[in-house]
Amino acid sequence: MPVQGKALLWYLTARCKQVDLPGDHIFVASTDRTIDEPIERFCHTEGITLFRGAVEDVAGRMLACANEAGLDYFIRANADSPFLEPALINKACQLVTRHGYQFVTNLYPRSFPYGVSVELVQTSTFQNAYQQMHKPAHFEHVTQYLYENIAQFDYHNITHDGPDLSRLRLTVDTEADFRRFEGILGQLNYHKWPVLSFLDAAKIYQELV
């Protein structure tokens, strides 16, 4: 859906481009359905690598994308989360570089708003976990198996330094979320969006609620 003349997916990928990683590091893992061809056109226009795979097996689609790209690690970023925080992703990458964790998250437990998440996963670890997945929810929600078996992994959880913000909803899942997102952008300009702090976005959000 368009917001200020830009596809909603643009707001996520624009922030992904602020992550401090070299070269081509953004991949859109969409489905092979005809209905998703507009996503292919978007990626072509934006110069973003597209991977198309199974509709139901999201975990397998992400794993296949990571393997095809030759990634040792991948960062999961949901398309309904345009508030992704580049600085948080950078911190996760630094933690992996220093300590070699298999999995870095900020959701166990959650102290950041919904929609401001980081999940950095070692591809080989995920490959092994994928072989053990057996519930439909594992394949749909990608990392659910990791959380259900968290003790098996060398992981680190990032917690928010300030107050617990987990009650805030900085995601675009529903019509109400979308209208709230439009309201936040109405107080900005899309040119400012890529570098907007999620804390500043949260402040505007709280004024709108």
Protein backbone atom coordinates (compact mmCIF):
# COMPACT_ATOMS: atom_id res chain seq x y z
CA MET A 1 0.00 0.00 0.00
CA PRO A 2 1.28 3.51 -0.78
CA VAL A 3 2.09 6.06 1.92
CA GLN A 4 3.18 9.53 0.80
CA GLY A 5 3.69 8.09 -2.66
CA LYS A 6 5.96 5.28 -1.48
CA ALA A 7 5.12 1.58 -1.13
CA LEU A 8 4.99 0.45 2.50
CA LEU A 9 7.85 -1.96 1.75
CA TRP A 10 10.02 1.05 0.84
CA TYR A 11 9.89 2.28 4.44
CA LEU A 12 11.42 -0.98 5.67
CA THR A 13 14.09 -1.31 2.99
CA ALA A 14 15.06 2.37 3.35
CA ARG A 15 15.91 1.72 6.97
CA CYS A 16 17.67 -1.56 6.12
CA LYS A 17 19.99 0.48 3.90
CA GLN A 18 21.15 2.36 7.01
CA VAL A 19 22.54 -0.82 8.56
CA ASP A 20 26.34 -0.73 8.66
CA LEU A 21 27.09 -3.77 6.50
CA PRO A 22 29.17 -3.83 3.32
CA GLY A 23 27.87 -4.56 -0.16
CA ASP A 24 24.55 -6.10 -1.10
CA HIS A 25 22.98 -7.10 2.20
CA ILE A 26 19.24 -6.65 1.60
CA PHE A 27 17.19 -9.56 0.27
CA VAL A 28 13.42 -9.68 -0.08
CA ALA A 29 12.22 -13.25 0.36
CA SER A 30 8.76 -13.20 -1.22
CA THR A 31 6.52 -15.98 -2.49
CA ASP A 32 6.22 -17.48 -5.95
CA ARG A 33 2.55 -16.40 -6.24
CA THR A 34 1.44 -14.27 -9.18
CA ILE A 35 -0.13 -11.84 -6.72
CA ASP A 36 3.36 -10.96 -5.45
CA GLU A 37 4.69 -9.83 -8.83
CA PRO A 38 4.38 -6.16 -7.76
CA ILE A 39 7.02 -6.96 -5.14
CA GLU A 40 9.29 -8.17 -7.93
CA ARG A 41 8.78 -4.90 -9.79
CA PHE A 42 9.48 -2.93 -6.61
CA CYS A 43 12.75 -4.80 -6.01
CA HIS A 44 13.83 -4.28 -9.62
CA THR A 45 13.19 -0.52 -9.35
CA GLU A 46 15.00 -0.26 -6.01
CA GLY A 47 17.93 -2.47 -7.01
CA ILE A 48 17.18 -5.01 -4.27
CA THR A 49 17.80 -8.74 -4.66
CA LEU A 50 14.59 -10.76 -4.72
CA PHE A 51 14.22 -14.42 -3.77
CA ARG A 52 10.92 -16.19 -4.44
CA GLY A 53 9.89 -19.38 -2.67
CA ALA A 54 7.13 -21.39 -1.03
CA VAL A 55 4.04 -19.67 0.35
CA GLU A 56 3.46 -21.83 3.42
CA ASP A 57 7.06 -22.64 4.38
CA VAL A 58 8.40 -19.21 5.33
CA ALA A 59 11.24 -20.73 7.38
CA GLY A 60 12.35 -22.82 4.39
CA ARG A 61 12.09 -19.80 2.11
CA MET A 62 14.34 -17.72 4.34
CA LEU A 63 16.84 -20.57 4.73
CA ALA A 64 16.97 -21.13 0.97
CA CYS A 65 17.48 -17.40 0.42
CA ALA A 66 20.33 -17.28 2.96
CA ASN A 67 21.99 -20.35 1.44
CA GLU A 68 21.68 -19.07 -2.12
CA ALA A 69 23.25 -15.77 -1.05
CA GLY A 70 26.05 -17.59 0.79
CA LEU A 71 25.29 -15.91 4.11
CA ASP A 72 26.95 -17.12 7.32
CA TYR A 73 24.31 -15.18 9.27
CA PHE A 74 20.99 -13.63 8.34
CA ILE A 75 18.81 -10.99 9.98
CA ARG A 76 15.08 -11.56 9.93
CA ALA A 77 13.13 -8.37 9.19
CA ASN A 78 9.37 -8.69 8.80
CA ALA A 79 7.70 -6.69 6.05
CA ASP A 80 5.11 -5.42 8.53
CA SER A 81 7.87 -3.78 10.62
CA PRO A 82 8.89 -0.51 8.91
CA PHE A 83 10.14 0.81 12.28
CA LEU A 84 13.16 -1.53 12.21
CA GLU A 85 16.02 0.17 14.06
CA PRO A 86 19.35 0.17 12.15
CA ALA A 87 21.39 0.95 15.28
CA LEU A 88 19.94 -2.12 16.99
CA ILE A 89 20.88 -4.32 14.02
CA ASN A 90 24.39 -2.86 14.09
CA LYS A 91 24.67 -3.72 17.79
CA ALA A 92 23.59 -7.32 17.13
CA CYS A 93 26.22 -7.65 14.39
CA GLN A 94 28.90 -6.33 16.73
CA LEU A 95 27.90 -8.85 19.40
CA VAL A 96 28.19 -11.72 16.93
CA THR A 97 31.56 -10.46 15.69
CA ARG A 98 32.93 -10.26 19.24
CA HIS A 99 31.35 -13.34 20.82
CA GLY A 100 30.29 -15.65 17.99
CA TYR A 101 26.73 -16.15 19.26
CA GLN A 102 24.50 -18.46 17.25
CA PHE A 103 21.46 -16.29 17.83
CA VAL A 104 21.01 -12.66 18.93
CA THR A 105 17.52 -11.38 19.70
CA ASN A 106 15.72 -8.68 21.67
CA LEU A 107 12.53 -10.70 22.14
CA TYR A 108 13.52 -13.02 24.99
CA PRO A 109 12.19 -11.23 26.95
CA ARG A 110 10.80 -8.31 24.93
CA SER A 111 11.55 -4.78 26.19
CA PHE A 112 11.35 -2.93 22.85
CA PRO A 113 8.09 -2.03 21.07
CA TYR A 114 6.35 -4.55 18.84
CA GLY A 115 7.81 -4.01 15.37
CA VAL A 116 11.25 -2.95 16.68
CA SER A 117 12.92 -6.33 16.79
CA VAL A 118 16.24 -7.86 15.91
CA GLU A 119 16.80 -11.53 15.20
CA LEU A 120 20.28 -12.37 13.92
CA VAL A 121 20.70 -16.08 13.26
CA GLN A 122 23.67 -18.20 12.23
CA THR A 123 22.65 -19.91 9.00
CA SER A 124 24.18 -23.28 9.88
CA THR A 125 22.41 -23.21 13.26
CA PHE A 126 19.12 -22.44 11.56
CA GLN A 127 19.74 -25.20 9.02
CA ASN A 128 20.03 -27.71 11.87
CA ALA A 129 16.98 -26.28 13.63
CA TYR A 130 14.96 -26.44 10.43
CA GLN A 131 15.53 -30.19 10.27
CA GLN A 132 13.87 -30.46 13.70
CA MET A 133 10.83 -28.28 13.00
CA HIS A 134 7.58 -30.20 13.09
CA LYS A 135 4.72 -27.79 13.83
CA PRO A 136 2.99 -25.66 11.16
CA ALA A 137 3.74 -22.63 13.36
CA HIS A 138 7.49 -23.34 13.14
CA PHE A 139 7.41 -22.98 9.37
CA GLU A 140 5.14 -19.93 9.45
CA HIS A 141 6.80 -17.94 12.23
CA VAL A 142 10.42 -18.84 11.30
CA THR A 143 12.13 -18.42 14.69
CA GLN A 144 9.48 -19.92 16.98
CA TYR A 145 11.38 -23.22 17.19
CA LEU A 146 14.48 -21.36 18.42
CA TYR A 147 12.55 -19.76 21.28
CA GLU A 148 10.87 -23.03 22.24
CA ASN A 149 14.31 -24.64 22.50
CA ILE A 150 16.37 -21.59 23.48
CA ALA A 151 18.53 -23.49 25.98
CA GLN A 152 20.06 -25.47 23.10
CA PHE A 153 21.61 -22.36 21.56
CA ASP A 154 24.40 -19.95 22.40
CA TYR A 155 22.26 -16.81 22.35
CA HIS A 156 22.21 -13.25 23.65
CA ASN A 157 19.18 -11.07 24.38
CA ILE A 158 19.45 -7.29 23.96
CA THR A 159 17.38 -5.34 26.48
CA HIS A 160 16.30 -1.72 26.24
CA ASP A 161 18.45 0.57 28.40
CA GLY A 162 15.47 2.77 29.29
CA PRO A 163 11.93 1.93 30.36
CA ASP A 164 10.10 -1.17 29.16
CA LEU A 165 8.46 -0.21 25.84
CA SER A 166 6.98 -3.61 25.02
CA ARG A 167 3.41 -2.32 25.29
CA LEU A 168 3.87 -0.01 22.28
CA ARG A 169 2.80 -1.26 18.86
CA LEU A 170 5.15 0.02 16.15
CA THR A 171 4.07 -2.47 13.52
CA VAL A 172 1.66 -2.38 10.57
CA ASP A 173 -0.53 -5.47 10.82
CA THR A 174 -4.02 -3.98 10.86
CA GLU A 175 -5.96 -1.13 9.28
CA ALA A 176 -5.66 0.78 12.58
CA ASP A 177 -1.87 0.24 12.55
CA PHE A 178 -1.71 1.54 8.99
CA ARG A 179 -3.67 4.69 9.85
CA ARG A 180 -1.43 5.28 12.86
CA PHE A 181 1.62 4.86 10.61
CA GLU A 182 0.15 7.43 8.22
CA GLY A 183 -0.36 9.75 11.17
CA ILE A 184 3.28 9.44 12.24
CA LEU A 185 4.47 10.12 8.72
CA GLY A 186 2.05 13.05 8.50
CA GLN A 187 4.23 14.80 11.07
CA LEU A 188 7.38 14.04 9.09
CA ASN A 189 8.47 13.76 5.49
CA TYR A 190 9.46 10.47 3.91
CA HIS A 191 12.96 11.90 3.29
CA LYS A 192 13.49 11.92 7.08
CA TRP A 193 12.17 8.42 7.57
CA PRO A 194 15.34 6.31 7.00
CA VAL A 195 17.22 7.98 9.88
CA LEU A 196 14.31 8.56 12.28
CA SER A 197 15.01 7.08 15.71
CA PHE A 198 12.39 4.56 16.84
CA LEU A 199 12.27 6.51 20.12
CA ASP A 200 11.22 9.64 18.22
CA ALA A 201 8.65 7.55 16.34
CA ALA A 202 7.38 6.16 19.65
CA LYS A 203 7.01 9.69 21.02
CA ILE A 204 4.83 10.69 18.05
CA TYR A 205 2.90 7.43 18.40
CA GLN A 206 2.08 8.14 22.03
CA GLU A 207 0.85 11.62 21.12
CA LEU A 208 -1.49 10.11 18.50
CA VAL A 209 -2.98 7.41 20.75
